Amino acid sequence: MIYLLAIFLSPLALMFEGRPISAMFNAVIWLLSVICWITIVFHHAGFVLWLVAFVHAVLVINSARQNRRARWIANAR
């Protein structure tokens, strides 16, 4: 479900995952993509920036989940 949220609102997905610094960086990229989408001239750049924000969010969320899983396994021993 968090990955679905990352498609539309990637900064919010990162905040829910507990990564506020990454969320701020991602919010800048995401807002630039929205601004570029509004303009007709830079519409393609908006899509590229949105794609960068989405990939960044997915990578950070996946990394956070792997770290949590590794800590859980280490504490289980």
N, C-alpha and C. Protein backbone atom coordinates (compact mmCIF):
# COMPACT_ATOMS: atom_id res chain seq x y z
N MET A 1 0.81 -1.19 0.00
CA MET A 1 0.00 0.00 0.00
C MET A 1 0.87 1.26 0.00
N ILE A 2 2.00 1.19 0.68
CA ILE A 2 2.88 2.36 0.74
C ILE A 2 3.47 2.66 -0.64
N TYR A 3 3.67 1.62 -1.45
CA TYR A 3 4.19 1.83 -2.79
C TYR A 3 3.15 2.50 -3.69
N LEU A 4 1.89 2.20 -3.48
CA LEU A 4 0.83 2.86 -4.23
C LEU A 4 0.76 4.34 -3.87
N LEU A 5 0.94 4.64 -2.61
CA LEU A 5 0.99 6.04 -2.17
C LEU A 5 2.21 6.74 -2.77
N ALA A 6 3.30 6.02 -2.93
CA ALA A 6 4.52 6.61 -3.50
C ALA A 6 4.32 7.01 -4.96
N ILE A 7 3.39 6.37 -5.65
CA ILE A 7 3.14 6.76 -7.04
C ILE A 7 2.56 8.16 -7.11
N PHE A 8 1.62 8.47 -6.24
CA PHE A 8 0.91 9.74 -6.33
C PHE A 8 1.49 10.83 -5.42
N LEU A 9 1.85 10.47 -4.20
CA LEU A 9 2.38 11.44 -3.23
C LEU A 9 3.63 10.86 -2.58
N SER A 10 4.71 10.86 -3.31
CA SER A 10 5.93 10.23 -2.81
C SER A 10 6.47 10.88 -1.53
N PRO A 11 6.41 12.21 -1.35
CA PRO A 11 6.90 12.75 -0.07
C PRO A 11 6.08 12.27 1.13
N LEU A 12 4.78 12.12 0.95
CA LEU A 12 3.94 11.65 2.04
C LEU A 12 4.25 10.19 2.37
N ALA A 13 4.53 9.40 1.36
CA ALA A 13 4.89 8.00 1.60
C ALA A 13 6.18 7.91 2.40
N LEU A 14 7.14 8.78 2.10
CA LEU A 14 8.40 8.78 2.84
C LEU A 14 8.19 9.25 4.28
N MET A 15 7.28 10.18 4.49
CA MET A 15 6.99 10.61 5.86
C MET A 15 6.36 9.48 6.66
N PHE A 16 5.44 8.73 6.04
CA PHE A 16 4.83 7.59 6.71
C PHE A 16 5.85 6.52 7.02
N GLU A 17 6.89 6.42 6.21
CA GLU A 17 7.93 5.41 6.42
C GLU A 17 8.94 5.86 7.48
N GLY A 18 8.87 7.13 7.90
CA GLY A 18 9.75 7.62 8.95
C GLY A 18 11.06 8.17 8.42
N ARG A 19 11.07 8.72 7.24
CA ARG A 19 12.26 9.30 6.63
C ARG A 19 12.02 10.77 6.28
N PRO A 20 12.03 11.68 7.28
CA PRO A 20 11.67 13.08 7.01
C PRO A 20 12.67 13.84 6.15
N ILE A 21 13.96 13.56 6.27
CA ILE A 21 14.95 14.27 5.47
C ILE A 21 14.81 13.87 4.00
N SER A 22 14.65 12.60 3.75
CA SER A 22 14.43 12.13 2.38
C SER A 22 13.11 12.66 1.84
N ALA A 23 12.12 12.81 2.70
CA ALA A 23 10.83 13.34 2.28
C ALA A 23 10.94 14.80 1.86
N MET A 24 11.76 15.58 2.57
CA MET A 24 11.95 16.98 2.17
C MET A 24 12.65 17.09 0.82
N PHE A 25 13.69 16.29 0.61
CA PHE A 25 14.38 16.27 -0.67
C PHE A 25 13.42 15.84 -1.78
N ASN A 26 12.64 14.83 -1.50
CA ASN A 26 11.70 14.31 -2.48
C ASN A 26 10.59 15.33 -2.76
N ALA A 27 10.18 16.08 -1.75
CA ALA A 27 9.13 17.09 -1.93
C ALA A 27 9.57 18.18 -2.90
N VAL A 28 10.84 18.55 -2.84
CA VAL A 28 11.35 19.56 -3.77
C VAL A 28 11.26 19.04 -5.20
N ILE A 29 11.69 17.82 -5.42
CA ILE A 29 11.63 17.25 -6.76
C ILE A 29 10.18 17.09 -7.21
N TRP A 30 9.33 16.62 -6.31
CA TRP A 30 7.93 16.39 -6.64
C TRP A 30 7.22 17.70 -6.98
N LEU A 31 7.49 18.76 -6.20
CA LEU A 31 6.87 20.06 -6.48
C LEU A 31 7.36 20.64 -7.80
N LEU A 32 8.63 20.46 -8.10
CA LEU A 32 9.13 20.91 -9.40
C LEU A 32 8.45 20.17 -10.54
N SER A 33 8.18 18.90 -10.34
CA SER A 33 7.49 18.15 -11.40
C SER A 33 6.06 18.64 -11.58
N VAL A 34 5.39 18.97 -10.49
CA VAL A 34 4.02 19.49 -10.60
C VAL A 34 4.03 20.84 -11.29
N ILE A 35 4.98 21.68 -10.97
CA ILE A 35 5.09 22.99 -11.62
C ILE A 35 5.36 22.83 -13.10
N CYS A 36 6.23 21.90 -13.45
CA CYS A 36 6.52 21.67 -14.87
C CYS A 36 5.32 21.08 -15.61
N TRP A 37 4.53 20.25 -14.92
CA TRP A 37 3.33 19.69 -15.56
C TRP A 37 2.30 20.77 -15.86
N ILE A 38 2.23 21.78 -15.00
CA ILE A 38 1.27 22.85 -15.21
C ILE A 38 1.59 23.64 -16.47
N THR A 39 2.86 23.86 -16.71
CA THR A 39 3.25 24.57 -17.92
C THR A 39 3.21 23.61 -19.11
N ILE A 40 2.82 24.10 -20.24
CA ILE A 40 2.72 23.26 -21.43
C ILE A 40 4.11 23.01 -22.02
N VAL A 41 5.00 23.96 -21.90
CA VAL A 41 6.31 23.87 -22.54
C VAL A 41 7.18 22.79 -21.89
N PHE A 42 7.16 22.69 -20.57
CA PHE A 42 8.04 21.77 -19.85
C PHE A 42 7.31 20.52 -19.36
N HIS A 43 6.27 20.12 -20.08
CA HIS A 43 5.46 18.98 -19.65
C HIS A 43 6.29 17.69 -19.56
N HIS A 44 7.19 17.47 -20.50
CA HIS A 44 8.00 16.26 -20.48
C HIS A 44 9.00 16.27 -19.33
N ALA A 45 9.52 17.43 -19.02
CA ALA A 45 10.44 17.54 -17.88
C ALA A 45 9.71 17.23 -16.58
N GLY A 46 8.44 17.59 -16.50
CA GLY A 46 7.64 17.27 -15.32
C GLY A 46 7.48 15.78 -15.13
N PHE A 47 7.29 15.06 -16.24
CA PHE A 47 7.18 13.61 -16.14
C PHE A 47 8.50 13.00 -15.68
N VAL A 48 9.61 13.48 -16.20
CA VAL A 48 10.92 12.95 -15.82
C VAL A 48 11.19 13.23 -14.34
N LEU A 49 10.87 14.42 -13.88
CA LEU A 49 11.07 14.75 -12.46
C LEU A 49 10.16 13.91 -11.57
N TRP A 50 8.92 13.69 -12.00
CA TRP A 50 8.04 12.83 -11.23
C TRP A 50 8.59 11.41 -11.16
N LEU A 51 9.13 10.92 -12.27
CA LEU A 51 9.70 9.58 -12.29
C LEU A 51 10.91 9.48 -11.35
N VAL A 52 11.73 10.52 -11.32
CA VAL A 52 12.88 10.54 -10.41
C VAL A 52 12.40 10.52 -8.96
N ALA A 53 11.38 11.31 -8.65
CA ALA A 53 10.84 11.34 -7.28
C ALA A 53 10.25 9.99 -6.90
N PHE A 54 9.55 9.36 -7.82
CA PHE A 54 8.94 8.06 -7.54
C PHE A 54 10.00 6.99 -7.31
N VAL A 55 11.02 6.95 -8.17
CA VAL A 55 12.09 5.95 -8.02
C VAL A 55 12.84 6.18 -6.71
N HIS A 56 13.10 7.44 -6.38
CA HIS A 56 13.78 7.76 -5.13
C HIS A 56 12.96 7.26 -3.95
N ALA A 57 11.67 7.49 -3.96
CA ALA A 57 10.81 7.05 -2.86
C ALA A 57 10.79 5.54 -2.73
N VAL A 58 10.70 4.85 -3.84
CA VAL A 58 10.67 3.38 -3.80
C VAL A 58 11.98 2.83 -3.26
N LEU A 59 13.10 3.40 -3.69
CA LEU A 59 14.39 2.92 -3.21
C LEU A 59 14.57 3.18 -1.71
N VAL A 60 14.15 4.33 -1.23
CA VAL A 60 14.28 4.65 0.19
C VAL A 60 13.36 3.77 1.02
N ILE A 61 12.13 3.57 0.57
CA ILE A 61 11.19 2.72 1.31
C ILE A 61 11.70 1.29 1.37
N ASN A 62 12.19 0.79 0.24
CA ASN A 62 12.71 -0.57 0.21
C ASN A 62 13.92 -0.72 1.13
N SER A 63 14.80 0.27 1.14
CA SER A 63 15.97 0.24 2.01
C SER A 63 15.58 0.27 3.48
N ALA A 64 14.60 1.10 3.81
CA ALA A 64 14.14 1.18 5.21
C ALA A 64 13.54 -0.14 5.66
N ARG A 65 12.79 -0.79 4.79
CA ARG A 65 12.19 -2.07 5.16
C ARG A 65 13.25 -3.16 5.30
N GLN A 66 14.27 -3.13 4.45
CA GLN A 66 15.36 -4.11 4.57
C GLN A 66 16.14 -3.90 5.87
N ASN A 67 16.37 -2.64 6.23
CA ASN A 67 17.06 -2.35 7.49
C ASN A 67 16.25 -2.84 8.69
N ARG A 68 14.94 -2.60 8.66
CA ARG A 68 14.08 -3.06 9.75
C ARG A 68 14.08 -4.58 9.85
N ARG A 69 14.04 -5.25 8.71
CA ARG A 69 14.05 -6.71 8.68
C ARG A 69 15.38 -7.25 9.21
N ALA A 70 16.49 -6.61 8.84
CA ALA A 70 17.80 -7.05 9.30
C ALA A 70 17.94 -6.86 10.81
N ARG A 71 17.43 -5.74 11.33
CA ARG A 71 17.46 -5.52 12.78
C ARG A 71 16.61 -6.55 13.52
N TRP A 72 15.46 -6.90 12.97
CA TRP A 72 14.59 -7.88 13.59
C TRP A 72 15.26 -9.25 13.63
N ILE A 73 15.94 -9.61 12.54
CA ILE A 73 16.63 -10.89 12.50
C ILE A 73 17.81 -10.90 13.47
N ALA A 74 18.54 -9.79 13.56
CA ALA A 74 19.68 -9.71 14.46
C ALA A 74 19.23 -9.78 15.93
N ASN A 75 18.09 -9.19 16.23
CA ASN A 75 17.59 -9.21 17.61
C ASN A 75 16.98 -10.56 17.97
N ALA A 76 16.60 -11.34 16.98
CA ALA A 76 15.99 -12.64 17.26
C ALA A 76 17.01 -13.68 17.73
N ARG A 77 18.26 -13.45 17.46
CA ARG A 77 19.29 -14.42 17.85
C ARG A 77 19.75 -14.24 19.25
